[in-house]
């Protein structure tokens, strides 16, 4: 589910919408997602915000309904500056500059994937390595090691 061409750790955007457009366009151009992907990302995030705060890091897990995904993926995006977004659960405003865009074909597997991601970001050693990693090649090795055997 992780691919080096779906990791960008140096994104310069000012809003969550700009990030969705950039990541969505890339996912569509690489045939991981289809044309409804971007609009569904924005619509879904308004109804079900995905921001999460952990002790060491804040991140968001934007995702869409399975019909907008052609091939399963997780797109890792890091922005140069924190973006304002809403927190999962209470919709409180928060900021984050780390994003995992989840592209799942099988929605039934989503709870398992979310549980694994939440567990990973509660691991201080993993978070420290994740935050320090600046090269996409190294990030790919890190997440593949942590999420080995993750859903296809």
Protein backbone atom coordinates (compact mmCIF):
# COMPACT_ATOMS: atom_id res chain seq x y z
CA UNK A 1 0.00 0.00 0.00
CA UNK A 2 3.03 2.28 0.34
CA UNK A 3 4.82 3.46 -2.78
CA UNK A 4 7.77 5.80 -3.11
CA UNK A 5 5.98 7.90 -5.74
CA UNK A 6 3.19 8.46 -3.19
CA UNK A 7 5.44 10.00 -0.56
CA UNK A 8 6.10 13.75 -0.57
CA UNK A 9 7.71 15.22 2.53
CA UNK A 10 8.22 18.75 1.21
CA UNK A 11 4.87 20.19 0.14
CA UNK A 12 4.33 23.93 0.02
CA UNK A 13 0.61 24.75 0.32
CA UNK A 14 -1.32 27.13 2.53
CA UNK A 15 -4.66 25.33 2.99
CA UNK A 16 -6.07 21.87 3.40
CA UNK A 17 -8.01 22.33 0.12
CA UNK A 18 -4.79 23.09 -1.77
CA UNK A 19 -3.24 19.94 -0.28
CA UNK A 20 -6.26 17.83 -1.28
CA UNK A 21 -6.06 19.19 -4.84
CA UNK A 22 -2.33 18.47 -5.09
CA UNK A 23 -2.39 14.97 -3.59
CA UNK A 24 -5.66 14.09 -5.34
CA UNK A 25 -4.35 15.16 -8.75
CA UNK A 26 -1.24 13.06 -8.30
CA UNK A 27 -3.24 10.01 -7.16
CA UNK A 28 -5.56 10.38 -10.16
CA UNK A 29 -2.71 10.90 -12.65
CA UNK A 30 -0.97 7.78 -11.34
CA UNK A 31 -4.26 5.83 -11.57
CA UNK A 32 -4.56 5.11 -7.85
CA UNK A 33 -7.80 7.12 -7.71
CA UNK A 34 -10.47 8.27 -10.13
CA UNK A 35 -11.99 11.62 -11.01
CA UNK A 36 -14.38 11.84 -8.05
CA UNK A 37 -11.53 11.46 -5.56
CA UNK A 38 -10.77 15.12 -4.83
CA UNK A 39 -14.36 16.30 -4.43
CA UNK A 40 -15.16 13.28 -2.23
CA UNK A 41 -12.09 13.99 -0.07
CA UNK A 42 -13.27 17.54 0.56
CA UNK A 43 -16.88 16.52 1.13
CA UNK A 44 -16.02 13.69 3.49
CA UNK A 45 -13.55 15.76 5.50
CA UNK A 46 -16.25 18.39 6.12
CA UNK A 47 -18.64 15.74 7.49
CA UNK A 48 -16.08 13.49 9.19
CA UNK A 49 -12.87 15.34 10.09
CA UNK A 50 -9.79 13.15 10.41
CA UNK A 51 -7.31 15.19 12.46
CA UNK A 52 -5.66 13.28 15.30
CA UNK A 53 -3.47 14.62 18.11
CA UNK A 54 -0.91 12.35 19.69
CA UNK A 55 1.53 13.39 22.43
CA UNK A 56 4.42 13.73 19.97
CA UNK A 57 2.70 14.49 16.66
CA UNK A 58 -0.50 15.71 15.05
CA UNK A 59 -1.67 14.24 11.78
CA UNK A 60 -4.73 13.70 9.63
CA UNK A 61 -6.01 10.63 7.80
CA UNK A 62 -8.14 11.94 4.91
CA UNK A 63 -9.94 9.21 3.01
CA UNK A 64 -12.80 8.60 0.59
CA UNK A 65 -15.44 6.00 -0.18
CA UNK A 66 -13.97 2.91 -1.92
CA UNK A 67 -15.56 3.64 -5.31
CA UNK A 68 -13.13 6.54 -5.79
CA UNK A 69 -10.08 4.30 -5.36
CA UNK A 70 -8.68 2.31 -8.30
CA UNK A 71 -5.73 0.71 -6.52
CA UNK A 72 -5.24 0.62 -2.73
CA UNK A 73 -2.66 3.09 -1.42
CA UNK A 74 -1.52 5.24 1.47
CA UNK A 75 -0.13 8.60 0.35
CA UNK A 76 2.24 10.13 2.90
CA UNK A 77 2.31 13.92 2.71
CA UNK A 78 4.16 16.45 4.87
CA UNK A 79 3.64 20.17 4.43
CA UNK A 80 6.30 22.81 5.08
CA UNK A 81 3.97 24.63 7.44
CA UNK A 82 1.15 23.37 9.67
CA UNK A 83 -2.31 23.52 8.10
CA UNK A 84 -5.51 24.33 9.97
CA UNK A 85 -7.96 21.42 10.03
CA UNK A 86 -10.60 19.80 12.22
CA UNK A 87 -10.06 17.10 14.80
CA UNK A 88 -11.74 13.71 14.54
CA UNK A 89 -14.62 13.29 16.98
CA UNK A 90 -15.26 16.81 18.26
CA UNK A 91 -14.36 18.88 15.13
CA UNK A 92 -12.19 21.18 17.25
CA UNK A 93 -9.75 23.27 15.24
CA UNK A 94 -6.16 22.01 15.24
CA UNK A 95 -3.05 22.15 13.08
CA UNK A 96 -0.96 19.41 11.49
CA UNK A 97 1.66 19.05 8.81
CA UNK A 98 1.65 15.25 8.48
CA UNK A 99 -1.05 13.51 6.44
CA UNK A 100 -1.73 9.90 5.52
CA UNK A 101 -4.24 9.81 2.67
CA UNK A 102 -5.91 6.41 2.88
CA UNK A 103 -7.09 4.85 -0.35
CA UNK A 104 -8.92 1.64 0.48
CA UNK A 105 -10.88 -0.59 -1.89
CA UNK A 106 -12.36 -2.64 0.94
CA UNK A 107 -14.08 -0.36 3.47
CA UNK A 108 -14.54 -3.27 5.88
CA UNK A 109 -10.79 -3.23 6.50
CA UNK A 110 -10.76 0.45 7.48
CA UNK A 111 -11.18 -0.09 11.26
CA UNK A 112 -8.24 -2.53 11.30
CA UNK A 113 -6.07 -0.10 9.34
CA UNK A 114 -7.00 2.82 11.59
CA UNK A 115 -6.19 0.75 14.68
CA UNK A 116 -2.74 -0.09 13.28
CA UNK A 117 -2.02 3.51 12.37
CA UNK A 118 -3.13 4.78 15.78
CA UNK A 119 -1.00 2.14 17.49
CA UNK A 120 2.03 3.13 15.37
CA UNK A 121 1.69 6.81 16.25
CA UNK A 122 1.50 5.97 19.95
CA UNK A 123 4.94 4.34 19.63
CA UNK A 124 7.45 7.03 20.67
CA UNK A 125 10.36 5.47 18.77
CA UNK A 126 8.38 5.20 15.54
CA UNK A 127 7.10 8.78 15.82
CA UNK A 128 10.60 10.10 16.46
CA UNK A 129 11.91 8.34 13.35
CA UNK A 130 8.85 9.40 11.31
CA UNK A 131 9.35 13.06 12.23
CA UNK A 132 13.09 13.00 11.50
CA UNK A 133 12.78 11.28 8.13
CA UNK A 134 13.17 13.72 5.26
CA UNK A 135 13.87 11.43 2.28
CA UNK A 136 11.06 9.52 0.59
CA UNK A 137 13.25 6.41 0.18
CA UNK A 138 13.93 6.28 3.92
CA UNK A 139 10.27 6.96 4.75
CA UNK A 140 9.22 4.07 2.53
CA UNK A 141 11.58 1.74 4.43
CA UNK A 142 10.32 3.03 7.77
CA UNK A 143 6.60 2.58 7.07
CA UNK A 144 7.05 -0.73 5.26
CA UNK A 145 8.90 -2.01 8.31
CA UNK A 146 6.24 -0.76 10.71
CA UNK A 147 3.22 -1.83 8.69
CA UNK A 148 4.54 -5.04 7.14
CA UNK A 149 1.69 -7.33 6.20
CA UNK A 150 -0.78 -4.47 6.08
CA UNK A 151 -3.94 -4.91 4.05
CA UNK A 152 -3.74 -5.20 0.30
